[in-house]
């Protein structure tokens, strides 16, 4: 039985990465297609595709490419990789669930034109999503630059500034809706530009948010029912569209 082979374009569409990214992975030796067509075009085998899928998962978890290469070079089997990836995702989800809960609470307060309190601002930036989280958050992040940065910014915001944050967020969502309803793909340059604008808003108002972290947070848009509902109430299909645009932007060179 002849082994199935895939072209670069087919792999890009199947896995959800750009052709440019595949070329980069090939150039650095991270994922190289094993076969060639008679015309000399690169073709991916089943093993190549499996390796690429592991790279994509590790990348979305925030691993640098050099470290991913080392992990794959260690020769672990598929089961080991899947268990490692599952554990990393579970740990990240636990942290992000608390963060999303606090963000939802703050957003709801702003929608009701309620001036957020000092206690709620601390909750938003990691100073206690519940009675037991405050100590855990301080033990984990206390004393870091990110912790100090979020505390400094949160303490100084006025009601007018929170209203400005709300308006900017609504503008970003409106741009996403416009692209979604026009049929523009979530992986298009226009959609990725809006995703970048959303990330920059986080960086400007709250904390430094690298693209990889933004992509990890965006996964909650489709996995957390409350967060999904907030987007779906704006427009059907918006949660997944925003998630996909953020992930695409994180992979953009």
Protein backbone atom coordinates (compact mmCIF):
# COMPACT_ATOMS: atom_id res chain seq x y z
CA UNK A 1 0.00 0.00 0.00
CA UNK A 2 1.42 3.38 -1.03
CA UNK A 3 2.05 5.78 1.82
CA UNK A 4 -0.03 8.95 1.70
CA UNK A 5 1.94 12.13 1.07
CA UNK A 6 0.96 15.76 1.51
CA UNK A 7 2.09 18.94 -0.22
CA UNK A 8 3.15 22.03 1.70
CA UNK A 9 -0.17 23.70 0.96
CA UNK A 10 -2.19 20.69 2.10
CA UNK A 11 -0.23 20.45 5.34
CA UNK A 12 -0.62 24.17 6.02
CA UNK A 13 -4.40 23.90 5.63
CA UNK A 14 -4.68 20.68 7.63
CA UNK A 15 -2.56 21.73 10.61
CA UNK A 16 -3.50 25.41 10.60
CA UNK A 17 -0.11 27.04 10.03
CA UNK A 18 1.17 29.24 7.24
CA UNK A 19 3.26 28.04 4.34
CA UNK A 20 5.88 30.53 5.45
CA UNK A 21 6.03 28.86 8.86
CA UNK A 22 6.49 25.45 7.25
CA UNK A 23 9.35 26.80 5.14
CA UNK A 24 10.96 28.21 8.29
CA UNK A 25 10.66 24.91 10.14
CA UNK A 26 12.22 23.20 7.14
CA UNK A 27 15.11 25.68 7.00
CA UNK A 28 16.01 25.26 10.67
CA UNK A 29 15.63 21.48 10.53
CA UNK A 30 12.72 21.31 12.96
CA UNK A 31 10.26 19.64 10.56
CA UNK A 32 11.66 18.68 7.17
CA UNK A 33 9.49 16.93 4.55
CA UNK A 34 10.96 13.51 3.90
CA UNK A 35 9.88 13.05 0.29
CA UNK A 36 9.99 14.90 -3.02
CA UNK A 37 7.71 14.74 -6.02
CA UNK A 38 9.04 14.00 -9.48
CA UNK A 39 8.98 17.74 -10.09
CA UNK A 40 11.06 18.34 -6.99
CA UNK A 41 8.31 19.67 -4.72
CA UNK A 42 8.50 18.86 -1.02
CA UNK A 43 6.11 16.19 0.28
CA UNK A 44 5.28 15.34 3.90
CA UNK A 45 4.87 11.81 5.18
CA UNK A 46 2.59 10.65 8.00
CA UNK A 47 5.59 10.74 10.36
CA UNK A 48 6.44 14.30 9.25
CA UNK A 49 2.86 15.39 9.87
CA UNK A 50 2.83 13.83 13.33
CA UNK A 51 6.08 15.60 14.22
CA UNK A 52 4.64 18.90 12.98
CA UNK A 53 1.53 18.46 15.10
CA UNK A 54 3.71 18.05 18.19
CA UNK A 55 5.64 21.19 17.26
CA UNK A 56 2.41 23.18 16.88
CA UNK A 57 1.13 22.09 20.30
CA UNK A 58 4.42 22.85 22.04
CA UNK A 59 4.60 26.21 20.26
CA UNK A 60 1.14 27.19 21.43
CA UNK A 61 2.17 26.26 24.95
CA UNK A 62 4.89 28.89 24.71
CA UNK A 63 7.93 26.65 24.18
CA UNK A 64 10.72 28.30 22.09
CA UNK A 65 11.59 26.53 18.87
CA UNK A 66 15.06 25.59 20.09
CA UNK A 67 13.62 23.85 23.15
CA UNK A 68 11.01 22.07 21.04
CA UNK A 69 13.78 20.73 18.84
CA UNK A 70 15.55 19.37 21.90
CA UNK A 71 12.39 17.73 23.22
CA UNK A 72 11.71 15.98 19.93
CA UNK A 73 15.35 14.97 19.56
CA UNK A 74 15.15 13.14 22.89
CA UNK A 75 13.28 10.40 21.07
CA UNK A 76 10.17 10.10 23.28
CA UNK A 77 7.25 8.19 21.78
CA UNK A 78 3.88 9.71 20.92
CA UNK A 79 2.30 8.71 24.22
CA UNK A 80 5.00 10.51 26.22
CA UNK A 81 4.57 13.68 24.15
CA UNK A 82 0.79 13.63 24.51
CA UNK A 83 0.97 13.14 28.27
CA UNK A 84 3.50 15.96 28.60
CA UNK A 85 1.36 18.27 26.48
CA UNK A 86 -1.79 17.39 28.40
CA UNK A 87 -0.12 18.12 31.74
CA UNK A 88 1.18 21.47 30.51
CA UNK A 89 -2.20 22.48 29.13
CA UNK A 90 -3.99 21.43 32.31
CA UNK A 91 -1.63 23.53 34.44
CA UNK A 92 -2.11 26.53 32.16
CA UNK A 93 -5.89 26.16 32.16
CA UNK A 94 -5.98 26.13 35.94
CA UNK A 95 -4.13 29.45 36.04
CA UNK A 96 -6.08 31.03 33.21
CA UNK A 97 -9.49 29.99 34.52
CA UNK A 98 -9.02 32.20 37.56
CA UNK A 99 -7.77 35.06 35.40
CA UNK A 100 -10.72 34.81 33.00
CA UNK A 101 -13.16 34.72 35.90
CA UNK A 102 -11.75 37.98 37.24
CA UNK A 103 -11.74 39.59 33.79
CA UNK A 104 -15.37 38.58 33.24
CA UNK A 105 -16.31 40.16 36.53
CA UNK A 106 -14.58 43.42 35.67
CA UNK A 107 -16.11 43.51 32.18
CA UNK A 108 -19.58 42.94 33.58
CA UNK A 109 -19.05 45.76 36.04
CA UNK A 110 -17.98 48.13 33.28
CA UNK A 111 -20.96 47.20 31.10
CA UNK A 112 -23.21 48.19 33.98
CA UNK A 113 -21.39 51.53 34.30
CA UNK A 114 -20.19 50.50 37.73
CA UNK A 115 -16.95 51.96 39.00
CA UNK A 116 -14.68 49.03 39.79
CA UNK A 117 -13.47 48.93 43.37
CA UNK A 118 -9.91 48.57 44.62
CA UNK A 119 -10.66 45.01 45.77
CA UNK A 120 -12.02 44.06 42.33
CA UNK A 121 -9.00 45.59 40.62
CA UNK A 122 -6.75 43.43 42.79
CA UNK A 123 -8.81 40.40 41.80
CA UNK A 124 -8.38 41.28 38.13
CA UNK A 125 -4.61 41.39 38.43
CA UNK A 126 -4.10 38.27 40.53
CA UNK A 127 -4.57 39.31 44.16
CA UNK A 128 -7.25 36.79 44.99
CA UNK A 129 -9.82 35.28 42.65
CA UNK A 130 -11.27 33.52 45.68
CA UNK A 131 -10.45 33.19 49.36
CA UNK A 132 -7.65 30.72 48.73
CA UNK A 133 -6.14 32.26 45.63
CA UNK A 134 -4.53 35.34 47.14
CA UNK A 135 -1.83 33.41 48.98
CA UNK A 136 -1.19 31.12 46.00
CA UNK A 137 -0.95 34.06 43.60
CA UNK A 138 1.48 35.96 45.79
CA UNK A 139 3.63 32.88 46.35
CA UNK A 140 3.76 32.23 42.61
CA UNK A 141 4.09 35.77 41.21
CA UNK A 142 4.80 38.05 44.14
CA UNK A 143 7.97 40.06 43.65
CA UNK A 144 8.09 39.48 39.88
CA UNK A 145 8.12 42.36 37.44
CA UNK A 146 4.76 41.26 36.03
CA UNK A 147 3.21 41.32 39.50
CA UNK A 148 4.59 44.77 40.30
CA UNK A 149 3.63 46.06 36.87
CA UNK A 150 0.00 45.00 37.21
CA UNK A 151 -0.24 46.41 40.72
CA UNK A 152 1.22 49.77 39.72
CA UNK A 153 -1.08 50.17 36.74
CA UNK A 154 -4.26 49.03 38.47
CA UNK A 155 -3.91 51.37 41.43
CA UNK A 156 -3.74 54.52 39.33
CA UNK A 157 -6.75 54.12 37.00
CA UNK A 158 -9.67 56.50 37.28
CA UNK A 159 -13.27 55.79 36.32
CA UNK A 160 -12.70 57.65 33.07
CA UNK A 161 -9.76 55.43 32.21
CA UNK A 162 -11.80 52.28 32.86
CA UNK A 163 -14.45 53.71 30.54
CA UNK A 164 -11.75 54.24 27.92
CA UNK A 165 -10.64 50.62 28.29
CA UNK A 166 -14.24 49.52 27.80
CA UNK A 167 -14.64 51.66 24.66
CA UNK A 168 -11.43 50.31 23.14
CA UNK A 169 -12.50 46.74 23.81
CA UNK A 170 -15.87 47.36 22.15
CA UNK A 171 -14.11 48.88 19.14
CA UNK A 172 -11.90 45.81 18.76
CA UNK A 173 -14.94 43.50 18.98
CA UNK A 174 -16.78 45.59 16.40
CA UNK A 175 -13.86 45.23 13.99
CA UNK A 176 -13.85 41.47 14.52
CA UNK A 177 -17.60 41.30 13.82
CA UNK A 178 -17.19 43.33 10.64
CA UNK A 179 -14.52 40.95 9.34
CA UNK A 180 -16.48 37.85 10.39
CA UNK A 181 -19.67 38.97 8.64
CA UNK A 182 -17.76 40.00 5.53
CA UNK A 183 -16.38 36.48 5.17
CA UNK A 184 -12.73 37.38 5.84
CA UNK A 185 -10.84 34.32 7.17
CA UNK A 186 -9.65 34.45 10.77
CA UNK A 187 -6.13 33.80 9.45
CA UNK A 188 -6.26 36.83 7.12
CA UNK A 189 -3.94 39.78 7.60
CA UNK A 190 -6.88 42.00 8.51
CA UNK A 191 -8.10 39.66 11.25
CA UNK A 192 -4.59 39.16 12.61
CA UNK A 193 -4.16 42.95 12.71
CA UNK A 194 -7.27 43.23 14.91
CA UNK A 195 -5.93 40.44 17.12
CA UNK A 196 -2.70 42.37 17.45
CA UNK A 197 -4.69 45.49 18.41
CA UNK A 198 -6.39 43.46 21.15
CA UNK A 199 -3.03 42.24 22.41
CA UNK A 200 -1.63 45.76 22.40
CA UNK A 201 -4.58 46.93 24.48
CA UNK A 202 -3.66 44.36 27.13
CA UNK A 203 -0.03 45.45 26.99
CA UNK A 204 -0.98 49.13 27.25
CA UNK A 205 -3.43 48.90 30.11
CA UNK A 206 -2.66 45.76 32.08
CA UNK A 207 0.57 43.79 31.64
CA UNK A 208 3.13 42.76 29.05
CA UNK A 209 1.40 40.07 27.00
CA UNK A 210 3.58 38.19 24.48
CA UNK A 211 1.81 36.68 21.49
CA UNK A 212 2.19 33.16 22.84
CA UNK A 213 0.49 34.09 26.11
CA UNK A 214 -2.26 35.89 24.19
CA UNK A 215 -2.86 32.71 22.17
CA UNK A 216 -3.06 30.62 25.35
CA UNK A 217 -5.58 33.02 26.87
CA UNK A 218 -7.60 32.98 23.65
CA UNK A 219 -8.11 29.22 24.01
CA UNK A 220 -10.42 30.06 26.90
CA UNK A 221 -12.72 31.84 24.44
CA UNK A 222 -13.85 28.43 23.18
CA UNK A 223 -13.28 26.26 26.26
CA UNK A 224 -14.80 28.39 29.02
CA UNK A 225 -18.62 28.59 28.57
CA UNK A 226 -18.88 31.99 30.24
CA UNK A 227 -16.25 33.53 28.02
CA UNK A 228 -17.72 31.87 24.94
CA UNK A 229 -21.16 33.18 25.82
CA UNK A 230 -19.83 36.74 26.17
CA UNK A 231 -18.56 36.65 22.58
CA UNK A 232 -21.53 34.72 21.19
CA UNK A 233 -23.88 37.32 22.69
CA UNK A 234 -22.11 39.88 20.51
CA UNK A 235 -22.28 37.76 17.35
CA UNK A 236 -22.70 34.06 16.60
CA UNK A 237 -19.37 32.40 15.87
CA UNK A 238 -17.33 35.29 17.26
CA UNK A 239 -15.63 33.32 20.06
CA UNK A 240 -13.97 30.83 17.72
CA UNK A 241 -13.22 33.51 15.14
CA UNK A 242 -11.38 35.67 17.68
CA UNK A 243 -9.53 32.64 19.06
CA UNK A 244 -8.40 31.60 15.59
CA UNK A 245 -7.27 35.14 14.72
CA UNK A 246 -5.26 35.45 17.93
CA UNK A 247 -3.61 32.05 17.37
CA UNK A 248 -2.80 32.98 13.76
CA UNK A 249 -1.30 36.26 14.92
CA UNK A 250 0.85 34.44 17.46
CA UNK A 251 2.30 32.31 14.66
CA UNK A 252 2.87 35.25 12.33
CA UNK A 253 6.54 36.01 11.69
